[in-house]
Amino acid sequence: MTTASGGIRLYLSRQAASLPRYILEQMLFALVGWVPTVVGIGLRAVLYRLILRMDGVAAIEAGVRLRFASNIRLGHGAYLDEGVYIHACPNGVEIGANTLVMHHAELHVYNFRGLPNAGIVIGRDALISEFTVIRGQGGVTIGDRVYTSPFVQIVAVNHVFDDPARPFIEQGITAQGIVIEDDVWIGSGAIITDGVRVGKGAVVAAGAVVTRDVPPHTVVAGVPARVIKEIGVNGLGSATHNRQYAVGGRQSTAG
């Protein structure tokens, strides 16, 4: 019995800021979370103000899953498509004005290790495309007018595995954080790893794995990613830029 009650308490602690908040949030999800069409969007635009912060009017489709809703802030004109999952524990998720989060995208902070910089902040007029995954244990900051294509992963956490004598799950994690500056386009299937800054106006090619900082106004491609072009400059990037990146693979920027 003690084990069962402990499991229930653990579960509830992973869902909401408190038991009363859990009850309120789940009640509203059950009441209006499933209602389709513009009628449901209207109901949620009014009633979800009781559980999250909304600046102006935001649109939330049916079937959106929210955890720790009290830590979520939506800007005016923000849109959450069907199947979006946001887990905002504990430092929150902020989505800027007129930003669209498309179906089955996942914004996941899920910080129960006391990491100080955990959280996700997305600027205005951005597009988080279908099945994009953003993990914000180390903190993820995404600027204005950033577009991700489908199946992008932005992962601000990594496991330590230096000691071959110990299981990696006992060696802890690193969580340095990720910054993506304004006007960045990230192609389909690209992966942005922990500790990376992507400079303003950069393009990350489809399928690229970014393990180092991306200079502003460059195109990077490959595994691991390297600079293949400076935007506004004909031909390949400079030798200085190219030395910063390992030789990579694909060079398509299709999204």
C-alpha atoms as a PDB file:
ATOM      1  CA  MET A   1       0.000   0.000   0.000  1.00  0.00           C
ATOM      2  CA  THR A   2       2.838   2.377   0.850  1.00  0.00           C
ATOM      3  CA  THR A   3       4.461   1.663  -2.495  1.00  0.00           C
ATOM      4  CA  ALA A   4       1.202   2.344  -4.320  1.00  0.00           C
ATOM      5  CA  SER A   5       0.576   5.633  -2.515  1.00  0.00           C
ATOM      6  CA  GLY A   6       4.171   6.677  -3.127  1.00  0.00           C
ATOM      7  CA  GLY A   7       3.745   5.947  -6.820  1.00  0.00           C
ATOM      8  CA  ILE A   8       0.580   8.041  -6.965  1.00  0.00           C
ATOM      9  CA  ARG A   9       2.313  10.953  -5.234  1.00  0.00           C
ATOM     10  CA  LEU A  10       5.237  10.695  -7.642  1.00  0.00           C
ATOM     11  CA  TYR A  11       2.871  10.664 -10.608  1.00  0.00           C
ATOM     12  CA  LEU A  12       0.962  13.703  -9.404  1.00  0.00           C
ATOM     13  CA  SER A  13       4.197  15.592  -8.725  1.00  0.00           C
ATOM     14  CA  ARG A  14       5.105  15.102 -12.396  1.00  0.00           C
ATOM     15  CA  GLN A  15       1.797  16.499 -13.666  1.00  0.00           C
ATOM     16  CA  ALA A  16       1.060  19.804 -11.917  1.00  0.00           C
ATOM     17  CA  ALA A  17       2.383  22.302  -9.395  1.00  0.00           C
ATOM     18  CA  SER A  18       0.061  21.044  -6.655  1.00  0.00           C
ATOM     19  CA  LEU A  19      -2.864  18.705  -6.088  1.00  0.00           C
ATOM     20  CA  PRO A  20      -5.463  21.516  -6.355  1.00  0.00           C
ATOM     21  CA  ARG A  21      -3.848  22.661  -9.601  1.00  0.00           C
ATOM     22  CA  TYR A  22      -3.889  19.094 -10.900  1.00  0.00           C
ATOM     23  CA  ILE A  23      -7.601  18.766 -10.150  1.00  0.00           C
ATOM     24  CA  LEU A  24      -8.428  22.106 -11.800  1.00  0.00           C
ATOM     25  CA  GLU A  25      -6.345  21.434 -14.903  1.00  0.00           C
ATOM     26  CA  GLN A  26      -7.655  17.904 -15.410  1.00  0.00           C
ATOM     27  CA  MET A  27     -11.235  19.071 -14.889  1.00  0.00           C
ATOM     28  CA  LEU A  28     -10.880  21.668 -17.649  1.00  0.00           C
ATOM     29  CA  PHE A  29      -9.149  19.218 -19.977  1.00  0.00           C
ATOM     30  CA  ALA A  30     -12.003  16.761 -19.498  1.00  0.00           C
ATOM     31  CA  LEU A  31     -14.640  19.473 -19.878  1.00  0.00           C
ATOM     32  CA  VAL A  32     -13.449  21.315 -22.984  1.00  0.00           C
ATOM     33  CA  GLY A  33     -10.104  19.824 -24.075  1.00  0.00           C
ATOM     34  CA  TRP A  34     -11.788  17.499 -26.564  1.00  0.00           C
ATOM     35  CA  VAL A  35     -14.326  19.927 -28.091  1.00  0.00           C
ATOM     36  CA  PRO A  36     -13.624  20.255 -31.854  1.00  0.00           C
ATOM     37  CA  THR A  37     -13.894  23.138 -34.339  1.00  0.00           C
ATOM     38  CA  VAL A  38     -13.924  26.850 -33.649  1.00  0.00           C
ATOM     39  CA  VAL A  39     -16.370  26.272 -30.806  1.00  0.00           C
ATOM     40  CA  GLY A  40     -13.730  24.376 -28.830  1.00  0.00           C
ATOM     41  CA  ILE A  41     -11.056  26.939 -29.673  1.00  0.00           C
ATOM     42  CA  GLY A  42     -13.313  29.675 -28.312  1.00  0.00           C
ATOM     43  CA  LEU A  43     -14.118  27.783 -25.125  1.00  0.00           C
ATOM     44  CA  ARG A  44     -10.463  27.054 -24.438  1.00  0.00           C
ATOM     45  CA  ALA A  45      -9.470  30.657 -25.185  1.00  0.00           C
ATOM     46  CA  VAL A  46     -11.722  31.675 -22.303  1.00  0.00           C
ATOM     47  CA  LEU A  47     -11.500  28.816 -19.800  1.00  0.00           C
ATOM     48  CA  TYR A  48      -7.801  27.954 -20.123  1.00  0.00           C
ATOM     49  CA  ARG A  49      -7.006  31.402 -18.730  1.00  0.00           C
ATOM     50  CA  LEU A  50      -7.788  29.796 -15.379  1.00  0.00           C
ATOM     51  CA  ILE A  51      -4.798  27.463 -15.701  1.00  0.00           C
ATOM     52  CA  LEU A  52      -2.204  29.249 -17.882  1.00  0.00           C
ATOM     53  CA  ARG A  53      -1.084  32.763 -18.788  1.00  0.00           C
ATOM     54  CA  MET A  54      -2.453  34.121 -22.043  1.00  0.00           C
ATOM     55  CA  ASP A  55      -1.561  37.540 -23.445  1.00  0.00           C
ATOM     56  CA  GLY A  56      -4.500  38.526 -25.622  1.00  0.00           C
ATOM     57  CA  VAL A  57      -6.157  35.683 -27.523  1.00  0.00           C
ATOM     58  CA  ALA A  58      -4.466  32.379 -28.337  1.00  0.00           C
ATOM     59  CA  ALA A  59      -5.887  29.395 -30.225  1.00  0.00           C
ATOM     60  CA  ILE A  60      -5.617  25.886 -28.784  1.00  0.00           C
ATOM     61  CA  GLU A  61      -6.956  22.991 -30.834  1.00  0.00           C
ATOM     62  CA  ALA A  62      -8.603  19.867 -29.428  1.00  0.00           C
ATOM     63  CA  GLY A  63      -6.333  17.166 -28.032  1.00  0.00           C
ATOM     64  CA  VAL A  64      -3.500  19.426 -26.880  1.00  0.00           C
ATOM     65  CA  ARG A  65      -1.829  17.953 -23.765  1.00  0.00           C
ATOM     66  CA  LEU A  66      -0.519  20.372 -21.155  1.00  0.00           C
ATOM     67  CA  ARG A  67       1.391  19.514 -17.974  1.00  0.00           C
ATOM     68  CA  PHE A  68       2.269  22.137 -15.363  1.00  0.00           C
ATOM     69  CA  ALA A  69      -0.061  24.472 -17.258  1.00  0.00           C
ATOM     70  CA  SER A  70       0.512  27.170 -14.639  1.00  0.00           C
ATOM     71  CA  ASN A  71       4.054  27.506 -16.052  1.00  0.00           C
ATOM     72  CA  ILE A  72       2.916  28.058 -19.650  1.00  0.00           C
ATOM     73  CA  ARG A  73       2.593  31.510 -21.245  1.00  0.00           C
ATOM     74  CA  LEU A  74       1.103  32.104 -24.694  1.00  0.00           C
ATOM     75  CA  GLY A  75       1.468  35.352 -26.614  1.00  0.00           C
ATOM     76  CA  HIS A  76      -1.367  36.997 -28.529  1.00  0.00           C
ATOM     77  CA  GLY A  77      -2.145  35.030 -31.672  1.00  0.00           C
ATOM     78  CA  ALA A  78      -0.152  31.948 -30.629  1.00  0.00           C
ATOM     79  CA  TYR A  79      -1.532  28.683 -32.007  1.00  0.00           C
ATOM     80  CA  LEU A  80      -1.236  25.132 -30.653  1.00  0.00           C
ATOM     81  CA  ASP A  81      -2.283  22.468 -33.153  1.00  0.00           C
ATOM     82  CA  GLU A  82      -3.863  19.098 -32.382  1.00  0.00           C
ATOM     83  CA  GLY A  83      -1.633  16.615 -30.573  1.00  0.00           C
ATOM     84  CA  VAL A  84       0.851  19.198 -29.268  1.00  0.00           C
ATOM     85  CA  TYR A  85       2.404  18.179 -25.931  1.00  0.00           C
ATOM     86  CA  ILE A  86       3.880  20.757 -23.556  1.00  0.00           C
ATOM     87  CA  HIS A  87       5.448  19.749 -20.242  1.00  0.00           C
ATOM     88  CA  ALA A  88       6.474  22.972 -18.532  1.00  0.00           C
ATOM     89  CA  CYS A  89       8.024  21.844 -15.239  1.00  0.00           C
ATOM     90  CA  PRO A  90       9.337  23.844 -13.481  1.00  0.00           C
ATOM     91  CA  ASN A  91      10.686  27.061 -15.058  1.00  0.00           C
ATOM     92  CA  GLY A  92       8.114  27.134 -17.779  1.00  0.00           C
ATOM     93  CA  VAL A  93       7.471  27.358 -21.495  1.00  0.00           C
ATOM     94  CA  GLU A  94       6.851  30.711 -23.166  1.00  0.00           C
ATOM     95  CA  ILE A  95       5.538  30.940 -26.727  1.00  0.00           C
ATOM     96  CA  GLY A  96       5.592  34.345 -28.397  1.00  0.00           C
ATOM     97  CA  ALA A  97       2.937  36.262 -30.277  1.00  0.00           C
ATOM     98  CA  ASN A  98       1.755  34.774 -33.589  1.00  0.00           C
ATOM     99  CA  THR A  99       3.961  31.701 -33.197  1.00  0.00           C
ATOM    100  CA  LEU A 100       2.531  28.447 -34.531  1.00  0.00           C
ATOM    101  CA  VAL A 101       3.251  25.073 -32.921  1.00  0.00           C
ATOM    102  CA  MET A 102       2.091  22.405 -35.348  1.00  0.00           C
ATOM    103  CA  HIS A 103       0.583  19.008 -34.696  1.00  0.00           C
ATOM    104  CA  HIS A 104       2.419  16.494 -32.514  1.00  0.00           C
ATOM    105  CA  ALA A 105       5.266  18.829 -31.686  1.00  0.00           C
ATOM    106  CA  GLU A 106       6.674  18.252 -28.199  1.00  0.00           C
ATOM    107  CA  LEU A 107       8.040  20.985 -25.924  1.00  0.00           C
ATOM    108  CA  HIS A 108       9.432  19.190 -22.912  1.00  0.00           C
ATOM    109  CA  VAL A 109      11.223  20.776 -19.955  1.00  0.00           C
ATOM    110  CA  TYR A 110      10.676  17.963 -17.444  1.00  0.00           C
ATOM    111  CA  ASN A 111      13.278  19.187 -14.990  1.00  0.00           C
ATOM    112  CA  PHE A 112      13.217  17.321 -11.691  1.00  0.00           C
ATOM    113  CA  ARG A 113      16.968  17.606 -11.047  1.00  0.00           C
ATOM    114  CA  GLY A 114      16.896  21.246  -9.948  1.00  0.00           C
ATOM    115  CA  LEU A 115      18.704  22.471 -13.068  1.00  0.00           C
ATOM    116  CA  PRO A 116      18.734  26.282 -12.781  1.00  0.00           C
ATOM    117  CA  ASN A 117      18.400  27.233 -16.439  1.00  0.00           C
ATOM    118  CA  ALA A 118      15.718  24.769 -17.493  1.00  0.00           C
ATOM    119  CA  GLY A 119      12.921  26.163 -19.626  1.00  0.00           C
ATOM    120  CA  ILE A 120      11.871  26.940 -23.194  1.00  0.00           C
ATOM    121  CA  VAL A 121      11.347  30.430 -24.623  1.00  0.00           C
ATOM    122  CA  ILE A 122      10.210  30.882 -28.232  1.00  0.00           C
ATOM    123  CA  GLY A 123       9.959  34.312 -29.844  1.00  0.00           C
ATOM    124  CA  ARG A 124       7.258  35.816 -32.020  1.00  0.00           C
ATOM    125  CA  ASP A 125       6.203  34.895 -35.585  1.00  0.00           C
ATOM    126  CA  ALA A 126       7.992  31.542 -35.362  1.00  0.00           C
ATOM    127  CA  LEU A 127       6.932  28.144 -36.702  1.00  0.00           C
ATOM    128  CA  ILE A 128       7.568  24.936 -34.770  1.00  0.00           C
ATOM    129  CA  SER A 129       6.724  22.322 -37.362  1.00  0.00           C
ATOM    130  CA  GLU A 130       5.148  18.900 -37.139  1.00  0.00           C
ATOM    131  CA  PHE A 131       6.813  16.336 -34.848  1.00  0.00           C
ATOM    132  CA  THR A 132       9.522  18.756 -33.743  1.00  0.00           C
ATOM    133  CA  VAL A 133      10.951  17.842 -30.323  1.00  0.00           C
ATOM    134  CA  ILE A 134      12.414  20.513 -28.029  1.00  0.00           C
ATOM    135  CA  ARG A 135      13.911  19.331 -24.731  1.00  0.00           C
ATOM    136  CA  GLY A 136      14.713  22.218 -22.424  1.00  0.00           C
ATOM    137  CA  GLN A 137      16.467  20.802 -19.364  1.00  0.00           C
ATOM    138  CA  GLY A 138      19.469  23.065 -20.002  1.00  0.00           C
ATOM    139  CA  GLY A 139      17.349  25.926 -21.293  1.00  0.00           C
ATOM    140  CA  VAL A 140      16.348  26.587 -24.900  1.00  0.00           C
ATOM    141  CA  THR A 141      15.952  30.116 -26.242  1.00  0.00           C
ATOM    142  CA  ILE A 142      14.569  30.487 -29.765  1.00  0.00           C
ATOM    143  CA  GLY A 143      14.361  33.902 -31.389  1.00  0.00           C
ATOM    144  CA  ASP A 144      11.812  35.608 -33.613  1.00  0.00           C
ATOM    145  CA  ARG A 145      10.849  34.234 -37.033  1.00  0.00           C
ATOM    146  CA  VAL A 146      12.620  30.913 -36.502  1.00  0.00           C
ATOM    147  CA  TYR A 147      11.184  28.093 -38.622  1.00  0.00           C
ATOM    148  CA  THR A 148      11.719  24.415 -38.006  1.00  0.00           C
ATOM    149  CA  SER A 149      10.772  21.816 -40.582  1.00  0.00           C
ATOM    150  CA  PRO A 150       9.204  18.470 -39.580  1.00  0.00           C
ATOM    151  CA  PHE A 151      11.060  16.043 -37.287  1.00  0.00           C
ATOM    152  CA  VAL A 152      13.639  18.526 -36.000  1.00  0.00           C
ATOM    153  CA  GLN A 153      15.172  17.799 -32.577  1.00  0.00           C
ATOM    154  CA  ILE A 154      16.537  20.548 -30.334  1.00  0.00           C
ATOM    155  CA  VAL A 155      17.956  18.778 -27.289  1.00  0.00           C
ATOM    156  CA  ALA A 156      19.492  20.799 -24.448  1.00  0.00           C
ATOM    157  CA  VAL A 157      20.570  17.811 -22.378  1.00  0.00           C
ATOM    158  CA  ASN A 158      23.122  15.017 -22.718  1.00  0.00           C
ATOM    159  CA  HIS A 159      24.172  11.948 -20.732  1.00  0.00           C
ATOM    160  CA  VAL A 160      27.673  11.560 -19.341  1.00  0.00           C
ATOM    161  CA  PHE A 161      29.254   8.230 -20.323  1.00  0.00           C
ATOM    162  CA  ASP A 162      32.974   8.696 -19.630  1.00  0.00           C
ATOM    163  CA  ASP A 163      33.369   5.839 -17.133  1.00  0.00           C
ATOM    164  CA  PRO A 164      33.161   2.406 -18.808  1.00  0.00           C
ATOM    165  CA  ALA A 165      32.875   0.722 -15.415  1.00  0.00           C
ATOM    166  CA  ARG A 166      29.563   2.416 -14.561  1.00  0.00           C
ATOM    167  CA  PRO A 167      26.187   2.443 -16.310  1.00  0.00           C
ATOM    168  CA  PHE A 168      25.627   5.761 -18.063  1.00  0.00           C
ATOM    169  CA  ILE A 169      22.447   6.349 -16.054  1.00  0.00           C
ATOM    170  CA  GLU A 170      24.606   6.628 -12.916  1.00  0.00           C
ATOM    171  CA  GLN A 171      27.017   9.175 -14.411  1.00  0.00           C
ATOM    172  CA  GLY A 172      24.703  12.165 -14.532  1.00  0.00           C
ATOM    173  CA  ILE A 173      23.932  14.593 -17.318  1.00  0.00           C
ATOM    174  CA  THR A 174      25.125  17.840 -18.833  1.00  0.00           C
ATOM    175  CA  ALA A 175      22.693  20.635 -19.646  1.00  0.00           C
ATOM    176  CA  GLN A 176      24.475  23.645 -21.111  1.00  0.00           C
ATOM    177  CA  GLY A 177      21.560  25.084 -23.049  1.00  0.00           C
ATOM    178  CA  ILE A 178      20.836  26.006 -26.662  1.00  0.00           C
ATOM    179  CA  VAL A 179      20.333  29.436 -28.241  1.00  0.00           C
ATOM    180  CA  ILE A 180      18.852  29.892 -31.713  1.00  0.00           C
ATOM    181  CA  GLU A 181      18.921  33.505 -32.804  1.00  0.00           C
ATOM    182  CA  ASP A 182      16.401  35.342 -35.022  1.00  0.00           C
ATOM    183  CA  ASP A 183      15.530  34.393 -38.611  1.00  0.00           C
ATOM    184  CA  VAL A 184      16.955  30.860 -38.575  1.00  0.00           C
ATOM    185  CA  TRP A 185      15.583  28.082 -40.778  1.00  0.00           C
ATOM    186  CA  ILE A 186      16.163  24.479 -39.662  1.00  0.00           C
ATOM    187  CA  GLY A 187      15.605  21.751 -42.259  1.00  0.00           C
ATOM    188  CA  SER A 188      13.756  18.472 -41.822  1.00  0.00           C
ATOM    189  CA  GLY A 189      15.289  15.915 -39.493  1.00  0.00           C
ATOM    190  CA  ALA A 190      18.092  18.183 -38.276  1.00  0.00           C
ATOM    191  CA  ILE A 191      19.400  17.748 -34.727  1.00  0.00           C
ATOM    192  CA  ILE A 192      20.715  20.628 -32.596  1.00  0.00           C
ATOM    193  CA  THR A 193      22.747  19.285 -29.674  1.00  0.00           C
ATOM    194  CA  ASP A 194      23.351  20.726 -26.212  1.00  0.00           C
ATOM    195  CA  GLY A 195      25.657  23.704 -25.811  1.00  0.00           C
ATOM    196  CA  VAL A 196      25.151  25.090 -29.334  1.00  0.00           C
ATOM    197  CA  ARG A 197      24.342  28.641 -30.487  1.00  0.00           C
ATOM    198  CA  VAL A 198      22.905  29.071 -33.992  1.00  0.00           C
ATOM    199  CA  GLY A 199      23.607  32.562 -35.279  1.00  0.00           C
ATOM    200  CA  LYS A 200      21.111  35.003 -36.756  1.00  0.00           C
ATOM    201  CA  GLY A 201      19.934  34.282 -40.284  1.00  0.00           C
ATOM    202  CA  ALA A 202      21.607  30.867 -40.481  1.00  0.00           C
ATOM    203  CA  VAL A 203      20.220  27.853 -42.332  1.00  0.00           C
ATOM    204  CA  VAL A 204      20.651  24.316 -41.002  1.00  0.00           C
ATOM    205  CA  ALA A 205      20.316  21.745 -43.780  1.00  0.00           C
ATOM    206  CA  ALA A 206      17.977  18.780 -43.642  1.00  0.00           C
ATOM    207  CA  GLY A 207      19.485  15.881 -41.720  1.00  0.00           C
ATOM    208  CA  ALA A 208      22.369  17.908 -40.280  1.00  0.00           C
ATOM    209  CA  VAL A 209      23.670  17.158 -36.783  1.00  0.00           C
ATOM    210  CA  VAL A 210      24.869  20.420 -35.255  1.00  0.00           C
ATOM    211  CA  THR A 211      27.477  19.913 -32.526  1.00  0.00           C
ATOM    212  CA  ARG A 212      29.222  23.317 -32.655  1.00  0.00           C
ATOM    213  CA  ASP A 213      28.171  26.940 -32.902  1.00  0.00           C
ATOM    214  CA  VAL A 214      26.808  28.082 -36.262  1.00  0.00           C
ATOM    215  CA  PRO A 215      28.029  31.505 -37.436  1.00  0.00           C
ATOM    216  CA  PRO A 216      25.371  34.043 -38.456  1.00  0.00           C
ATOM    217  CA  HIS A 217      24.219  34.036 -42.085  1.00  0.00           C
ATOM    218  CA  THR A 218      25.780  30.714 -43.017  1.00  0.00           C
ATOM    219  CA  VAL A 219      24.446  27.401 -44.286  1.00  0.00           C
ATOM    220  CA  VAL A 220      25.601  24.292 -42.432  1.00  0.00           C
ATOM    221  CA  ALA A 221      25.137  20.679 -43.492  1.00  0.00           C
ATOM    222  CA  GLY A 222      26.400  17.192 -42.731  1.00  0.00           C
ATOM    223  CA  VAL A 223      27.100  14.875 -39.821  1.00  0.00           C
ATOM    224  CA  PRO A 224      28.625  16.548 -37.923  1.00  0.00           C
ATOM    225  CA  ALA A 225      27.566  19.823 -39.525  1.00  0.00           C
ATOM    226  CA  ARG A 226      30.043  22.170 -41.191  1.00  0.00           C
ATOM    227  CA  VAL A 227      29.696  25.474 -43.022  1.00  0.00           C
ATOM    228  CA  ILE A 228      29.086  24.940 -46.736  1.00  0.00           C
ATOM    229  CA  LYS A 229      28.130  28.487 -47.687  1.00  0.00           C
ATOM    230  CA  GLU A 230      28.022  32.044 -46.428  1.00  0.00           C
ATOM    231  CA  ILE A 231      24.661  33.592 -47.248  1.00  0.00           C
ATOM    232  CA  GLY A 232      25.209  36.485 -49.617  1.00  0.00           C
ATOM    233  CA  VAL A 233      28.627  35.145 -50.687  1.00  0.00           C
ATOM    234  CA  ASN A 234      29.033  33.053 -53.846  1.00  0.00           C
ATOM    235  CA  GLY A 235      30.484  29.584 -53.462  1.00  0.00           C
ATOM    236  CA  LEU A 236      31.629  27.874 -50.286  1.00  0.00           C
ATOM    237  CA  GLY A 237      32.229  29.551 -46.952  1.00  0.00           C
ATOM    238  CA  SER A 238      35.566  30.939 -45.919  1.00  0.00           C
ATOM    239  CA  ALA A 239      38.428  28.699 -44.905  1.00  0.00           C
ATOM    240  CA  THR A 240      38.188  30.081 -41.381  1.00  0.00           C
ATOM    241  CA  HIS A 241      34.569  29.000 -41.113  1.00  0.00           C
ATOM    242  CA  ASN A 242      35.232  25.632 -42.709  1.00  0.00           C
ATOM    243  CA  ARG A 243      37.955  24.766 -40.209  1.00  0.00           C
ATOM    244  CA  GLN A 244      35.390  25.082 -37.421  1.00  0.00           C
ATOM    245  CA  TYR A 245      33.376  22.146 -38.678  1.00  0.00           C
ATOM    246  CA  ALA A 246      34.186  18.523 -39.396  1.00  0.00           C
ATOM    247  CA  VAL A 247      33.688  17.268 -42.932  1.00  0.00           C
ATOM    248  CA  GLY A 248      30.002  16.409 -43.255  1.00  0.00           C
ATOM    249  CA  GLY A 249      27.596  14.614 -45.497  1.00  0.00           C
ATOM    250  CA  ARG A 250      24.312  15.846 -47.032  1.00  0.00           C
ATOM    251  CA  GLN A 251      24.164  19.397 -48.329  1.00  0.00           C
ATOM    252  CA  SER A 252      20.454  19.719 -49.124  1.00  0.00           C
ATOM    253  CA  THR A 253      18.630  22.554 -47.380  1.00  0.00           C
ATOM    254  CA  ALA A 254      15.241  21.213 -48.325  1.00  0.00           C
ATOM    255  CA  GLY A 255      12.756  21.463 -45.490  1.00  0.00           C
END
